[in-house]
Amino acid sequence: MTIRTTSAAALALMLTLIATPVAAQGTGLACMGTTYSSEQLASVPRLGASVSASEDVVGTIMRGAGDLAAPAVRTCAEREGWDQERMQAAMFYEMGRLAEIAVRGSSVLTQGQIANLDAALESGDTSRLWELVERQVTEAMGGPAADLTQADIAYLGQYVVDAGVMADEPPGTSPLETGQKVGVLLATMALQRMASREFP
């Protein structure tokens, strides 16, 4: 779904979710969503609206998300009394949250692919999936190597296939490319999961 094809009602709902992140309700993390202006909120889905699969999707979107998140995190750090560790975790969380919204609003994955992935994530045991994705995110952030085995890689590939993401694959797209795109979206979600553990 891109910002150009989103209905007014759907856009209004998206902006509501941006302003009040459901996953962060009841924790200090919810603070960030209250600090943005209406113009900033409207700009979040557009962060990834013009990104093509050939570009540095993660870099392009994360830079924009970081620019938006930094002032919000500073404001909330003062308001909530966060120490440096929690402030850093909040920055990672908010960048991941904004980046997820941007990826979902881009043309990187189709609306059908995202819907199929979301349905798969809501059913069954996803513990191994998130453990593997989080290891890769940790490595990308300068942590220990993910050290995925061939069995791990096969599992990830099969998960994407079983989720039905390939069923809505645009013509000319390779399965490897689709898997990489799904990985980008999962990484934004995993970043939030990891950072939120600092806010029990």
C-alpha atoms as a PDB file:
ATOM      1  CA  MET A   1       0.000   0.000   0.000  1.00  0.00           C
ATOM      2  CA  THR A   2       1.440   3.372  -0.950  1.00  0.00           C
ATOM      3  CA  ILE A   3       0.387   6.758   0.322  1.00  0.00           C
ATOM      4  CA  ARG A   4      -1.092   7.500  -3.114  1.00  0.00           C
ATOM      5  CA  THR A   5      -3.541   4.611  -2.993  1.00  0.00           C
ATOM      6  CA  THR A   6      -4.486   4.762   0.675  1.00  0.00           C
ATOM      7  CA  SER A   7      -8.092   5.818   1.331  1.00  0.00           C
ATOM      8  CA  ALA A   8      -8.793   8.762   3.604  1.00  0.00           C
ATOM      9  CA  ALA A   9     -10.311   6.463   6.252  1.00  0.00           C
ATOM     10  CA  ALA A  10      -7.364   4.074   6.157  1.00  0.00           C
ATOM     11  CA  LEU A  11      -4.921   6.972   6.370  1.00  0.00           C
ATOM     12  CA  ALA A  12      -6.761   8.383   9.376  1.00  0.00           C
ATOM     13  CA  LEU A  13      -6.540   4.999  11.110  1.00  0.00           C
ATOM     14  CA  MET A  14      -2.827   4.738  10.283  1.00  0.00           C
ATOM     15  CA  LEU A  15      -2.156   8.179  11.746  1.00  0.00           C
ATOM     16  CA  THR A  16      -4.046   7.213  14.902  1.00  0.00           C
ATOM     17  CA  LEU A  17      -1.835   4.152  15.314  1.00  0.00           C
ATOM     18  CA  ILE A  18       1.262   6.255  14.731  1.00  0.00           C
ATOM     19  CA  ALA A  19       0.202   8.686  17.437  1.00  0.00           C
ATOM     20  CA  THR A  20      -0.619   5.937  19.943  1.00  0.00           C
ATOM     21  CA  PRO A  21       1.571   2.866  19.322  1.00  0.00           C
ATOM     22  CA  VAL A  22      -0.468  -0.130  20.516  1.00  0.00           C
ATOM     23  CA  ALA A  23       2.558  -2.239  21.430  1.00  0.00           C
ATOM     24  CA  ALA A  24       3.879   0.493  23.706  1.00  0.00           C
ATOM     25  CA  GLN A  25       0.711   1.355  25.594  1.00  0.00           C
ATOM     26  CA  GLY A  26       1.231   1.198  29.330  1.00  0.00           C
ATOM     27  CA  THR A  27       4.989   1.774  29.068  1.00  0.00           C
ATOM     28  CA  GLY A  28       7.181   4.836  28.754  1.00  0.00           C
ATOM     29  CA  LEU A  29       7.594   4.041  25.061  1.00  0.00           C
ATOM     30  CA  ALA A  30       4.128   5.405  24.337  1.00  0.00           C
ATOM     31  CA  CYS A  31       5.489   8.870  25.082  1.00  0.00           C
ATOM     32  CA  MET A  32       7.132   9.289  21.665  1.00  0.00           C
ATOM     33  CA  GLY A  33       3.872   8.993  19.766  1.00  0.00           C
ATOM     34  CA  THR A  34       2.483  12.003  21.625  1.00  0.00           C
ATOM     35  CA  THR A  35       5.253  14.416  20.608  1.00  0.00           C
ATOM     36  CA  TYR A  36       4.834  14.628  16.819  1.00  0.00           C
ATOM     37  CA  SER A  37       3.107  17.431  14.966  1.00  0.00           C
ATOM     38  CA  SER A  38       0.337  16.571  12.512  1.00  0.00           C
ATOM     39  CA  GLU A  39       2.748  17.324   9.658  1.00  0.00           C
ATOM     40  CA  GLN A  40       5.309  14.905  11.075  1.00  0.00           C
ATOM     41  CA  LEU A  41       2.700  12.189  11.526  1.00  0.00           C
ATOM     42  CA  ALA A  42       1.564  12.599   7.942  1.00  0.00           C
ATOM     43  CA  SER A  43       5.141  12.331   6.701  1.00  0.00           C
ATOM     44  CA  VAL A  44       5.831   8.922   8.273  1.00  0.00           C
ATOM     45  CA  PRO A  45       4.097   6.733   5.662  1.00  0.00           C
ATOM     46  CA  ARG A  46       5.770   8.798   2.940  1.00  0.00           C
ATOM     47  CA  LEU A  47       9.261   7.936   4.210  1.00  0.00           C
ATOM     48  CA  GLY A  48       9.175   4.806   2.089  1.00  0.00           C
ATOM     49  CA  ALA A  49       6.544   5.706  -0.520  1.00  0.00           C
ATOM     50  CA  SER A  50       9.051   6.342  -3.302  1.00  0.00           C
ATOM     51  CA  VAL A  51      11.619   3.711  -2.332  1.00  0.00           C
ATOM     52  CA  SER A  52      12.229   1.067  -4.981  1.00  0.00           C
ATOM     53  CA  ALA A  53      13.488  -2.453  -4.381  1.00  0.00           C
ATOM     54  CA  SER A  54      16.798  -1.583  -6.039  1.00  0.00           C
ATOM     55  CA  GLU A  55      17.626   1.118  -3.501  1.00  0.00           C
ATOM     56  CA  ASP A  56      19.148   0.829  -0.066  1.00  0.00           C
ATOM     57  CA  VAL A  57      15.737   0.369   1.523  1.00  0.00           C
ATOM     58  CA  VAL A  58      16.965   0.022   5.077  1.00  0.00           C
ATOM     59  CA  GLY A  59      19.366   2.955   4.865  1.00  0.00           C
ATOM     60  CA  THR A  60      16.920   5.291   3.139  1.00  0.00           C
ATOM     61  CA  ILE A  61      14.033   4.616   5.493  1.00  0.00           C
ATOM     62  CA  MET A  62      16.047   4.353   8.698  1.00  0.00           C
ATOM     63  CA  ARG A  63      17.741   7.700   8.087  1.00  0.00           C
ATOM     64  CA  GLY A  64      14.364   9.380   7.735  1.00  0.00           C
ATOM     65  CA  ALA A  65      12.999   7.529  10.761  1.00  0.00           C
ATOM     66  CA  GLY A  66      16.019   8.538  12.820  1.00  0.00           C
ATOM     67  CA  ASP A  67      15.624  12.197  11.929  1.00  0.00           C
ATOM     68  CA  LEU A  68      12.001  12.114  13.093  1.00  0.00           C
ATOM     69  CA  ALA A  69      12.607   9.989  16.176  1.00  0.00           C
ATOM     70  CA  ALA A  70      15.562  11.824  17.711  1.00  0.00           C
ATOM     71  CA  PRO A  71      13.705  14.932  18.977  1.00  0.00           C
ATOM     72  CA  ALA A  72      10.824  12.767  20.258  1.00  0.00           C
ATOM     73  CA  VAL A  73      13.222  10.542  22.184  1.00  0.00           C
ATOM     74  CA  ARG A  74      15.005  13.538  23.723  1.00  0.00           C
ATOM     75  CA  THR A  75      11.701  15.050  24.824  1.00  0.00           C
ATOM     76  CA  CYS A  76      10.521  11.790  26.369  1.00  0.00           C
ATOM     77  CA  ALA A  77      13.867  11.094  28.041  1.00  0.00           C
ATOM     78  CA  GLU A  78      13.463  14.337  29.965  1.00  0.00           C
ATOM     79  CA  ARG A  79       9.783  13.731  30.668  1.00  0.00           C
ATOM     80  CA  GLU A  80      10.185  10.091  31.752  1.00  0.00           C
ATOM     81  CA  GLY A  81      13.588  10.401  33.428  1.00  0.00           C
ATOM     82  CA  TRP A  82      15.274   7.777  31.233  1.00  0.00           C
ATOM     83  CA  ASP A  83      18.914   6.961  31.748  1.00  0.00           C
ATOM     84  CA  GLN A  84      21.272   6.639  28.770  1.00  0.00           C
ATOM     85  CA  GLU A  85      20.534   2.942  28.321  1.00  0.00           C
ATOM     86  CA  ARG A  86      16.790   3.419  28.150  1.00  0.00           C
ATOM     87  CA  MET A  87      17.170   6.454  25.941  1.00  0.00           C
ATOM     88  CA  GLN A  88      19.174   4.383  23.455  1.00  0.00           C
ATOM     89  CA  ALA A  89      16.620   1.575  23.585  1.00  0.00           C
ATOM     90  CA  ALA A  90      13.816   4.078  23.024  1.00  0.00           C
ATOM     91  CA  MET A  91      15.648   5.427  19.975  1.00  0.00           C
ATOM     92  CA  PHE A  92      15.972   1.927  18.511  1.00  0.00           C
ATOM     93  CA  TYR A  93      12.326   1.196  19.281  1.00  0.00           C
ATOM     94  CA  GLU A  94      11.010   4.368  17.703  1.00  0.00           C
ATOM     95  CA  MET A  95      13.216   4.064  14.612  1.00  0.00           C
ATOM     96  CA  GLY A  96      11.955   0.522  14.163  1.00  0.00           C
ATOM     97  CA  ARG A  97       8.337   1.564  14.626  1.00  0.00           C
ATOM     98  CA  LEU A  98       8.524   4.456  12.179  1.00  0.00           C
ATOM     99  CA  ALA A  99      10.506   2.351   9.707  1.00  0.00           C
ATOM    100  CA  GLU A 100       7.888  -0.404   9.855  1.00  0.00           C
ATOM    101  CA  ILE A 101       5.156   2.087   8.995  1.00  0.00           C
ATOM    102  CA  ALA A 102       7.308   3.437   6.161  1.00  0.00           C
ATOM    103  CA  VAL A 103       8.028  -0.017   4.722  1.00  0.00           C
ATOM    104  CA  ARG A 104       4.335  -0.871   4.857  1.00  0.00           C
ATOM    105  CA  GLY A 105       3.601   2.364   3.007  1.00  0.00           C
ATOM    106  CA  SER A 106       6.222   1.748   0.327  1.00  0.00           C
ATOM    107  CA  SER A 107       6.169  -0.282  -2.877  1.00  0.00           C
ATOM    108  CA  VAL A 108       8.763  -2.727  -1.547  1.00  0.00           C
ATOM    109  CA  LEU A 109       6.065  -5.330  -0.812  1.00  0.00           C
ATOM    110  CA  THR A 110       2.539  -5.477  -2.208  1.00  0.00           C
ATOM    111  CA  GLN A 111      -0.527  -5.087  -0.016  1.00  0.00           C
ATOM    112  CA  GLY A 112      -1.309  -8.767  -0.563  1.00  0.00           C
ATOM    113  CA  GLN A 113       2.168  -9.888   0.472  1.00  0.00           C
ATOM    114  CA  ILE A 114       2.011  -7.867   3.674  1.00  0.00           C
ATOM    115  CA  ALA A 115      -1.462  -9.192   4.484  1.00  0.00           C
ATOM    116  CA  ASN A 116      -0.305 -12.784   4.003  1.00  0.00           C
ATOM    117  CA  LEU A 117       2.747 -12.222   6.189  1.00  0.00           C
ATOM    118  CA  ASP A 118       0.712 -10.567   8.936  1.00  0.00           C
ATOM    119  CA  ALA A 119      -1.752 -13.467   8.944  1.00  0.00           C
ATOM    120  CA  ALA A 120       1.122 -15.948   9.308  1.00  0.00           C
ATOM    121  CA  LEU A 121       2.686 -13.974  12.150  1.00  0.00           C
ATOM    122  CA  GLU A 122      -0.587 -13.958  14.046  1.00  0.00           C
ATOM    123  CA  SER A 123      -0.928 -17.738  13.944  1.00  0.00           C
ATOM    124  CA  GLY A 124       1.328 -20.543  15.087  1.00  0.00           C
ATOM    125  CA  ASP A 125       4.598 -20.501  16.976  1.00  0.00           C
ATOM    126  CA  THR A 126       6.898 -17.697  15.808  1.00  0.00           C
ATOM    127  CA  SER A 127       9.528 -18.049  18.530  1.00  0.00           C
ATOM    128  CA  ARG A 128      12.192 -19.532  16.231  1.00  0.00           C
ATOM    129  CA  LEU A 129      11.469 -16.971  13.524  1.00  0.00           C
ATOM    130  CA  TRP A 130      11.969 -14.015  15.855  1.00  0.00           C
ATOM    131  CA  GLU A 131      15.024 -15.568  17.474  1.00  0.00           C
ATOM    132  CA  LEU A 132      16.718 -15.886  14.077  1.00  0.00           C
ATOM    133  CA  VAL A 133      15.659 -12.439  12.865  1.00  0.00           C
ATOM    134  CA  GLU A 134      16.804 -10.810  16.108  1.00  0.00           C
ATOM    135  CA  ARG A 135      20.197 -12.462  15.790  1.00  0.00           C
ATOM    136  CA  GLN A 136      20.588 -10.913  12.346  1.00  0.00           C
ATOM    137  CA  VAL A 137      19.483  -7.498  13.591  1.00  0.00           C
ATOM    138  CA  THR A 138      21.985  -7.741  16.446  1.00  0.00           C
ATOM    139  CA  GLU A 139      24.755  -8.507  13.965  1.00  0.00           C
ATOM    140  CA  ALA A 140      23.706  -5.591  11.739  1.00  0.00           C
ATOM    141  CA  MET A 141      23.965  -3.309  14.778  1.00  0.00           C
ATOM    142  CA  GLY A 142      27.546  -4.378  15.390  1.00  0.00           C
ATOM    143  CA  GLY A 143      26.894  -7.256  17.766  1.00  0.00           C
ATOM    144  CA  PRO A 144      27.990 -10.890  17.547  1.00  0.00           C
ATOM    145  CA  ALA A 145      27.704 -12.687  14.213  1.00  0.00           C
ATOM    146  CA  ALA A 146      24.304 -14.299  13.649  1.00  0.00           C
ATOM    147  CA  ASP A 147      25.999 -17.585  12.670  1.00  0.00           C
ATOM    148  CA  LEU A 148      22.924 -18.974  10.925  1.00  0.00           C
ATOM    149  CA  THR A 149      23.164 -22.623   9.945  1.00  0.00           C
ATOM    150  CA  GLN A 150      21.908 -24.023   6.666  1.00  0.00           C
ATOM    151  CA  ALA A 151      18.933 -25.363   8.598  1.00  0.00           C
ATOM    152  CA  ASP A 152      18.214 -21.847   9.930  1.00  0.00           C
ATOM    153  CA  ILE A 153      18.381 -20.367   6.439  1.00  0.00           C
ATOM    154  CA  ALA A 154      16.137 -23.118   5.080  1.00  0.00           C
ATOM    155  CA  TYR A 155      13.640 -22.472   7.882  1.00  0.00           C
ATOM    156  CA  LEU A 156      13.476 -18.757   7.113  1.00  0.00           C
ATOM    157  CA  GLY A 157      12.983 -19.410   3.417  1.00  0.00           C
ATOM    158  CA  GLN A 158      10.282 -21.964   4.063  1.00  0.00           C
ATOM    159  CA  TYR A 159       8.523 -19.608   6.467  1.00  0.00           C
ATOM    160  CA  VAL A 160       8.206 -16.993   3.731  1.00  0.00           C
ATOM    161  CA  VAL A 161       6.881 -19.603   1.303  1.00  0.00           C
ATOM    162  CA  ASP A 162       4.424 -21.051   3.817  1.00  0.00           C
ATOM    163  CA  ALA A 163       3.214 -17.545   4.697  1.00  0.00           C
ATOM    164  CA  GLY A 164       1.974 -17.217   1.113  1.00  0.00           C
ATOM    165  CA  VAL A 165       4.144 -14.200   0.349  1.00  0.00           C
ATOM    166  CA  MET A 166       5.286 -15.710  -2.955  1.00  0.00           C
ATOM    167  CA  ALA A 167       1.671 -16.119  -4.076  1.00  0.00           C
ATOM    168  CA  ASP A 168       1.351 -12.368  -4.593  1.00  0.00           C
ATOM    169  CA  GLU A 169       4.830 -11.891  -6.030  1.00  0.00           C
ATOM    170  CA  PRO A 170       5.039  -9.280  -8.815  1.00  0.00           C
ATOM    171  CA  PRO A 171       6.094 -10.682 -12.233  1.00  0.00           C
ATOM    172  CA  GLY A 172       9.853 -10.871 -12.697  1.00  0.00           C
ATOM    173  CA  THR A 173      10.632 -10.880  -8.969  1.00  0.00           C
ATOM    174  CA  SER A 174      12.947 -13.635  -7.779  1.00  0.00           C
ATOM    175  CA  PRO A 175      12.151 -15.609  -4.605  1.00  0.00           C
ATOM    176  CA  LEU A 176      15.485 -14.446  -3.156  1.00  0.00           C
ATOM    177  CA  GLU A 177      14.566 -10.802  -3.724  1.00  0.00           C
ATOM    178  CA  THR A 178      11.158 -11.317  -2.121  1.00  0.00           C
ATOM    179  CA  GLY A 179      12.781 -13.003   0.870  1.00  0.00           C
ATOM    180  CA  GLN A 180      15.106 -10.034   1.303  1.00  0.00           C
ATOM    181  CA  LYS A 181      12.170  -7.610   1.208  1.00  0.00           C
ATOM    182  CA  VAL A 182      10.312  -9.622   3.837  1.00  0.00           C
ATOM    183  CA  GLY A 183      13.503  -9.594   5.891  1.00  0.00           C
ATOM    184  CA  VAL A 184      13.515  -5.790   5.854  1.00  0.00           C
ATOM    185  CA  LEU A 185       9.984  -5.630   7.271  1.00  0.00           C
ATOM    186  CA  LEU A 186      10.670  -8.313   9.863  1.00  0.00           C
ATOM    187  CA  ALA A 187      13.835  -6.492  10.927  1.00  0.00           C
ATOM    188  CA  THR A 188      11.897  -3.297  11.695  1.00  0.00           C
ATOM    189  CA  MET A 189       9.491  -5.314  13.829  1.00  0.00           C
ATOM    190  CA  ALA A 190      12.282  -7.233  15.559  1.00  0.00           C
ATOM    191  CA  LEU A 191      14.043  -3.996  16.463  1.00  0.00           C
ATOM    192  CA  GLN A 192      10.945  -2.911  18.369  1.00  0.00           C
ATOM    193  CA  ARG A 193      10.664  -6.266  20.117  1.00  0.00           C
ATOM    194  CA  MET A 194      14.286  -6.123  21.241  1.00  0.00           C
ATOM    195  CA  ALA A 195      14.216  -2.515  22.422  1.00  0.00           C
ATOM    196  CA  SER A 196      10.930  -2.858  24.284  1.00  0.00           C
ATOM    197  CA  ARG A 197      12.523  -5.349  26.690  1.00  0.00           C
ATOM    198  CA  GLU A 198      14.215  -2.391  28.371  1.00  0.00           C
ATOM    199  CA  PHE A 199      10.723  -1.146  29.304  1.00  0.00           C
ATOM    200  CA  PRO A 200       8.991  -3.901  31.314  1.00  0.00           C
END
